Amino acid sequence: MATEFQVTIDSTDPHPLADWWAEALGWQVEPQDEAFIRRMVEQGQATEADTTTHRGTLVWAVGAALTSPDPGRPRVLFQRVPEPKTVKNRVHLDLHVGAERREAEVARLVGLGARELHRASIGPMEWATLADPEGNEFCVA
């Protein structure tokens, strides 16, 4: 039985999207081992096309991951796909900040580049649905 998991999000440009989500969540982008990547290319295990430079560092082009400063939270991986997002997500993240912080958090995330899509409520629960810079929906409750 699996006891650990990560959340994987498709992206046409994973490194900037990982940076955006790291800022949004207060998490860290996992560092990639530039020396290891260079060795893999030198040994023929990877090609230059498998790499890119992001913020002045050689990284794997296929993805970037986030880790939480709090133990036990799942890793979030942004993986490169060739096509842009075209339909509603089947899975999305919910950011629970509490009713007293919701408006300020929505404003902060919109200021970072999110787009507010709509508001909803069921009974006492209220939330805002936003989209990240690549259009992936998430909720702030």
C-alpha atoms as a PDB file:
ATOM      1  CA  MET A   1       0.000   0.000   0.000  1.00  0.00           C
ATOM      2  CA  ALA A   2       1.376   3.429  -0.947  1.00  0.00           C
ATOM      3  CA  THR A   3       1.940   5.713   2.009  1.00  0.00           C
ATOM      4  CA  GLU A   4       3.639   8.640   0.286  1.00  0.00           C
ATOM      5  CA  PHE A   5       2.575  10.530  -2.792  1.00  0.00           C
ATOM      6  CA  GLN A   6       3.344  13.632  -4.775  1.00  0.00           C
ATOM      7  CA  VAL A   7       1.023  15.877  -6.709  1.00  0.00           C
ATOM      8  CA  THR A   8       2.060  16.267 -10.360  1.00  0.00           C
ATOM      9  CA  ILE A   9       0.913  19.230 -12.425  1.00  0.00           C
ATOM     10  CA  ASP A  10       1.368  19.426 -16.196  1.00  0.00           C
ATOM     11  CA  SER A  11       3.017  22.589 -17.469  1.00  0.00           C
ATOM     12  CA  THR A  12       4.349  23.953 -20.736  1.00  0.00           C
ATOM     13  CA  ASP A  13       7.063  25.824 -18.785  1.00  0.00           C
ATOM     14  CA  PRO A  14       7.588  24.050 -15.440  1.00  0.00           C
ATOM     15  CA  HIS A  15      10.412  26.109 -13.942  1.00  0.00           C
ATOM     16  CA  PRO A  16       8.662  29.516 -13.908  1.00  0.00           C
ATOM     17  CA  LEU A  17       5.425  27.834 -12.776  1.00  0.00           C
ATOM     18  CA  ALA A  18       7.270  26.100  -9.914  1.00  0.00           C
ATOM     19  CA  ASP A  19       8.736  29.489  -8.950  1.00  0.00           C
ATOM     20  CA  TRP A  20       5.229  30.985  -8.948  1.00  0.00           C
ATOM     21  CA  TRP A  21       3.791  28.239  -6.759  1.00  0.00           C
ATOM     22  CA  ALA A  22       6.782  28.391  -4.390  1.00  0.00           C
ATOM     23  CA  GLU A  23       6.013  32.075  -3.863  1.00  0.00           C
ATOM     24  CA  ALA A  24       2.277  31.393  -3.574  1.00  0.00           C
ATOM     25  CA  LEU A  25       2.686  28.630  -0.976  1.00  0.00           C
ATOM     26  CA  GLY A  26       5.827  29.790   0.831  1.00  0.00           C
ATOM     27  CA  TRP A  27       7.552  26.521  -0.179  1.00  0.00           C
ATOM     28  CA  GLN A  28      10.956  25.928  -1.772  1.00  0.00           C
ATOM     29  CA  VAL A  29      11.844  24.858  -5.287  1.00  0.00           C
ATOM     30  CA  GLU A  30      14.005  21.745  -4.928  1.00  0.00           C
ATOM     31  CA  PRO A  31      17.558  22.429  -6.021  1.00  0.00           C
ATOM     32  CA  GLN A  32      18.836  20.347  -8.920  1.00  0.00           C
ATOM     33  CA  ASP A  33      22.370  18.961  -8.970  1.00  0.00           C
ATOM     34  CA  GLU A  34      24.087  20.802 -11.832  1.00  0.00           C
ATOM     35  CA  ALA A  35      27.263  18.682 -11.567  1.00  0.00           C
ATOM     36  CA  PHE A  36      25.196  15.473 -11.801  1.00  0.00           C
ATOM     37  CA  ILE A  37      23.297  16.795 -14.829  1.00  0.00           C
ATOM     38  CA  ARG A  38      26.587  17.682 -16.562  1.00  0.00           C
ATOM     39  CA  ARG A  39      27.989  14.197 -15.823  1.00  0.00           C
ATOM     40  CA  MET A  40      24.871  12.558 -17.284  1.00  0.00           C
ATOM     41  CA  VAL A  41      25.281  14.584 -20.487  1.00  0.00           C
ATOM     42  CA  GLU A  42      29.041  13.882 -20.668  1.00  0.00           C
ATOM     43  CA  GLN A  43      28.421  10.136 -20.188  1.00  0.00           C
ATOM     44  CA  GLY A  44      25.738  10.042 -22.872  1.00  0.00           C
ATOM     45  CA  GLN A  45      22.945   9.242 -20.394  1.00  0.00           C
ATOM     46  CA  ALA A  46      21.218  12.509 -21.343  1.00  0.00           C
ATOM     47  CA  THR A  47      21.555  15.126 -24.051  1.00  0.00           C
ATOM     48  CA  GLU A  48      21.829  18.901 -24.000  1.00  0.00           C
ATOM     49  CA  ALA A  49      18.210  18.923 -25.223  1.00  0.00           C
ATOM     50  CA  ASP A  50      17.230  17.315 -21.890  1.00  0.00           C
ATOM     51  CA  THR A  51      18.524  20.373 -20.052  1.00  0.00           C
ATOM     52  CA  THR A  52      17.812  24.068 -19.852  1.00  0.00           C
ATOM     53  CA  THR A  53      19.128  27.009 -17.901  1.00  0.00           C
ATOM     54  CA  HIS A  54      16.825  28.583 -15.332  1.00  0.00           C
ATOM     55  CA  ARG A  55      17.931  31.562 -13.258  1.00  0.00           C
ATOM     56  CA  GLY A  56      21.508  30.953 -14.343  1.00  0.00           C
ATOM     57  CA  THR A  57      21.597  27.284 -13.312  1.00  0.00           C
ATOM     58  CA  LEU A  58      21.607  24.147 -15.473  1.00  0.00           C
ATOM     59  CA  VAL A  59      18.467  22.106 -14.710  1.00  0.00           C
ATOM     60  CA  TRP A  60      16.515  19.230 -16.210  1.00  0.00           C
ATOM     61  CA  ALA A  61      14.126  20.650 -18.798  1.00  0.00           C
ATOM     62  CA  VAL A  62      11.359  18.168 -17.985  1.00  0.00           C
ATOM     63  CA  GLY A  63      10.427  19.522 -14.607  1.00  0.00           C
ATOM     64  CA  ALA A  64      10.817  21.236 -11.294  1.00  0.00           C
ATOM     65  CA  ALA A  65       9.536  20.279  -7.861  1.00  0.00           C
ATOM     66  CA  LEU A  66       8.500  22.008  -4.652  1.00  0.00           C
ATOM     67  CA  THR A  67       8.861  20.872  -1.091  1.00  0.00           C
ATOM     68  CA  SER A  68       7.136  22.219   1.961  1.00  0.00           C
ATOM     69  CA  PRO A  69       9.060  23.532   4.954  1.00  0.00           C
ATOM     70  CA  ASP A  70       6.596  21.475   7.031  1.00  0.00           C
ATOM     71  CA  PRO A  71       7.379  17.742   7.227  1.00  0.00           C
ATOM     72  CA  GLY A  72       4.843  15.256   5.938  1.00  0.00           C
ATOM     73  CA  ARG A  73       3.374  17.387   3.167  1.00  0.00           C
ATOM     74  CA  PRO A  74       3.413  15.977  -0.362  1.00  0.00           C
ATOM     75  CA  ARG A  75       5.967  17.080  -2.907  1.00  0.00           C
ATOM     76  CA  VAL A  76       4.555  19.003  -5.894  1.00  0.00           C
ATOM     77  CA  LEU A  77       6.120  18.247  -9.273  1.00  0.00           C
ATOM     78  CA  PHE A  78       5.628  20.426 -12.342  1.00  0.00           C
ATOM     79  CA  GLN A  79       6.283  18.332 -15.438  1.00  0.00           C
ATOM     80  CA  ARG A  80       6.725  19.615 -18.970  1.00  0.00           C
ATOM     81  CA  VAL A  81       4.083  18.674 -21.519  1.00  0.00           C
ATOM     82  CA  PRO A  82       3.925  19.907 -25.117  1.00  0.00           C
ATOM     83  CA  GLU A  83       0.327  21.113 -25.109  1.00  0.00           C
ATOM     84  CA  PRO A  84      -1.223  24.040 -23.216  1.00  0.00           C
ATOM     85  CA  LYS A  85      -4.091  23.487 -20.803  1.00  0.00           C
ATOM     86  CA  THR A  86      -7.390  23.336 -22.685  1.00  0.00           C
ATOM     87  CA  VAL A  87     -10.091  22.042 -20.312  1.00  0.00           C
ATOM     88  CA  LYS A  88     -11.032  22.227 -16.631  1.00  0.00           C
ATOM     89  CA  ASN A  89      -8.750  20.356 -14.236  1.00  0.00           C
ATOM     90  CA  ARG A  90      -9.985  16.978 -12.993  1.00  0.00           C
ATOM     91  CA  VAL A  91      -7.933  17.505  -9.806  1.00  0.00           C
ATOM     92  CA  HIS A  92      -7.045  20.814  -8.193  1.00  0.00           C
ATOM     93  CA  LEU A  93      -5.397  22.194  -5.075  1.00  0.00           C
ATOM     94  CA  ASP A  94      -7.426  23.788  -2.268  1.00  0.00           C
ATOM     95  CA  LEU A  95      -5.607  26.386  -0.191  1.00  0.00           C
ATOM     96  CA  HIS A  96      -7.274  26.675   3.220  1.00  0.00           C
ATOM     97  CA  VAL A  97      -6.495  30.030   4.793  1.00  0.00           C
ATOM     98  CA  GLY A  98      -9.704  30.674   6.761  1.00  0.00           C
ATOM     99  CA  ALA A  99     -12.536  33.115   6.164  1.00  0.00           C
ATOM    100  CA  GLU A 100     -10.703  35.956   7.917  1.00  0.00           C
ATOM    101  CA  ARG A 101      -7.701  35.686   5.554  1.00  0.00           C
ATOM    102  CA  ARG A 102      -9.412  34.642   2.320  1.00  0.00           C
ATOM    103  CA  GLU A 103      -9.810  38.104   0.722  1.00  0.00           C
ATOM    104  CA  ALA A 104      -6.257  39.164   1.516  1.00  0.00           C
ATOM    105  CA  GLU A 105      -4.893  35.862   0.174  1.00  0.00           C
ATOM    106  CA  VAL A 106      -6.929  36.102  -3.033  1.00  0.00           C
ATOM    107  CA  ALA A 107      -5.641  39.654  -3.529  1.00  0.00           C
ATOM    108  CA  ARG A 108      -2.042  38.540  -2.869  1.00  0.00           C
ATOM    109  CA  LEU A 109      -2.284  35.656  -5.344  1.00  0.00           C
ATOM    110  CA  VAL A 110      -3.902  37.836  -8.005  1.00  0.00           C
ATOM    111  CA  GLY A 111      -1.062  40.300  -7.435  1.00  0.00           C
ATOM    112  CA  LEU A 112       1.389  37.453  -8.129  1.00  0.00           C
ATOM    113  CA  GLY A 113      -0.309  36.661 -11.438  1.00  0.00           C
ATOM    114  CA  ALA A 114      -3.292  34.433 -10.616  1.00  0.00           C
ATOM    115  CA  ARG A 115      -6.635  35.166 -12.229  1.00  0.00           C
ATOM    116  CA  GLU A 116      -9.889  35.026 -10.267  1.00  0.00           C
ATOM    117  CA  LEU A 117     -12.428  32.821 -12.059  1.00  0.00           C
ATOM    118  CA  HIS A 118     -15.460  32.768  -9.756  1.00  0.00           C
ATOM    119  CA  ARG A 119     -16.815  32.630  -6.199  1.00  0.00           C
ATOM    120  CA  ALA A 120     -18.981  29.906  -4.678  1.00  0.00           C
ATOM    121  CA  SER A 121     -20.433  28.760  -1.379  1.00  0.00           C
ATOM    122  CA  ILE A 122     -22.181  25.769   0.138  1.00  0.00           C
ATOM    123  CA  GLY A 123     -23.697  26.350   3.558  1.00  0.00           C
ATOM    124  CA  PRO A 124     -21.091  28.124   5.675  1.00  0.00           C
ATOM    125  CA  MET A 125     -18.205  27.261   3.286  1.00  0.00           C
ATOM    126  CA  GLU A 126     -17.147  29.972   0.858  1.00  0.00           C
ATOM    127  CA  TRP A 127     -14.286  29.908  -1.596  1.00  0.00           C
ATOM    128  CA  ALA A 128     -12.755  31.667  -4.565  1.00  0.00           C
ATOM    129  CA  THR A 129     -11.622  29.701  -7.595  1.00  0.00           C
ATOM    130  CA  LEU A 130      -8.500  31.102  -9.213  1.00  0.00           C
ATOM    131  CA  ALA A 131      -6.197  30.052 -12.048  1.00  0.00           C
ATOM    132  CA  ASP A 132      -2.401  30.053 -11.851  1.00  0.00           C
ATOM    133  CA  PRO A 133      -0.367  31.698 -14.651  1.00  0.00           C
ATOM    134  CA  GLU A 134      -0.819  28.623 -16.893  1.00  0.00           C
ATOM    135  CA  GLY A 135      -4.567  28.395 -16.225  1.00  0.00           C
ATOM    136  CA  ASN A 136      -4.595  25.547 -13.670  1.00  0.00           C
ATOM    137  CA  GLU A 137      -7.568  26.047 -11.340  1.00  0.00           C
ATOM    138  CA  PHE A 138      -7.204  26.097  -7.558  1.00  0.00           C
ATOM    139  CA  CYS A 139      -9.435  27.229  -4.714  1.00  0.00           C
ATOM    140  CA  VAL A 140      -8.822  29.541  -1.772  1.00  0.00           C
ATOM    141  CA  ALA A 141     -11.113  28.850   1.169  1.00  0.00           C
END
